[in-house]
Amino acid sequence: MKDSYQNLRVERIVDESWNTKSFYLRPADGSAIEAYAPGQHLLFSLPVDPAEPDLKMMRFYTLSDCYRSGGAYRITVKHEVGREAAAPDGAGSTYLHQHMTVGDRLQAKKPMGDFTLEAADEDAVVLIGGGIGITPILAMAQSIAAEGNSYREVRVFLGMRNREDHPFKDEFAALVRDFPSIQLNVCYDESTAADVQGSDYDYAERVSVDLFKRVLSHNRYRYYICGPRPMMDALTGDLAAWGVAEAQIFTESFGPATASHLIEQSEADGAAAAAEDAASDVIEVNFARNGVTHTWDPRYKCLLEFAEAKGVSISAGCLYGDCGTCMTPLKQGAVGYNHPTEITPDEGCCLPCSCKPTSSITLEA
């Protein structure tokens, strides 16, 4: 992970659907944007509250095009709205949607991420996007088209509720029109009377391996999948059952960022109790490699955000404990996790993206 943040100026904001906006960003110092691979993202440091600009949160947003935005980065952000009291609105998306205007500035690190596609390859691919997870899929499809290889077989499957939640409809249509080797399949799982099958969408169902079996002539593709976790789990499991090798499946999960800040009581009561017991004491966080110690601020949602705010860089991937990129040796003290994580940290280590200190600690960071 590159260490320094860059100031980016908001050049343009475009409504892509009722709850989705694209933000076009240029380096504020007038320099050129960094080259990036289709599927990569930017890591942003955003204020938790506009009234407290020094208190930051970290959010990844995917670059949603392939150099087609006139020398600007384009990110596309869905406003995540909590559907129940325990799941509040997404803090990052709310900040961008409600507070950012043209001319404002954002801080982001340079493009990063391993969920990428080599546009010049010859292998046949299936690109699958669910909800706002269509953003890297669009960039991948655009990059393949830009190579001009009319023989490369590309099958795109998009899943969303209905046309109200269907951003980039015209951009995908243009790709299919101009590059016949790219075939588009759109699924609506909550279509309405206003949605026209054959025009707005192709299938009144969710994206599934059963659909692939009906549409694809074989299973010998590379599969790139981005979407909500339940979709990811279902597709990867069913693809394996269909005989697709694990090495042919590439995934990146998209979901409400607020989920990473919710404590699931059934799994985390012990951590919450430990944190409560320690609340009366000052908790110090010692970053041994950087040689600095800071007093823990409980307003931060995790150790990773706290470290970044203090100028200590820790490599990160998913921000949810699913990839293990941020695993860091915990030399002393104890932490409590905000939620169950997919990765079990190695003995003597922790996942700073998903935990908080419950006592004074020393991290090898």
Foldseek 3Di string as FASTA:
>chain_A
DDQFKFKWFFADWADQFPFKIKTWIDGPVPDFADADFQPWWKKWWAALDPVCGLQTDIDTFGQQAHPPPPRTGMTMDGFAADPDPLFHTQSVSCCCVPPDDGGDITIIDHIDDDLGDDLPDQFAEEEEAEQSSCRSVNHSLNSVVVVVPLNRAYEYEYEDAELSRDGPPVVVVVSCVVRVSYHYAYEHCNYDPPGDDPRRGPYNHGDEVVVCVVVPPALRGQYEYEEAPVVVVRHVVVSVVSPDDPVSYHYDYDDRPSVLQAADCVPFVVQVVLLVVLVVDWAKEAQPQVGDIDTDDVVDRFQQSVCVSVSHHFDDHRLRQEPCRRKWAWQDADKTFRYDHNDDHDPRIDRRSTIDGSHHTYIPD
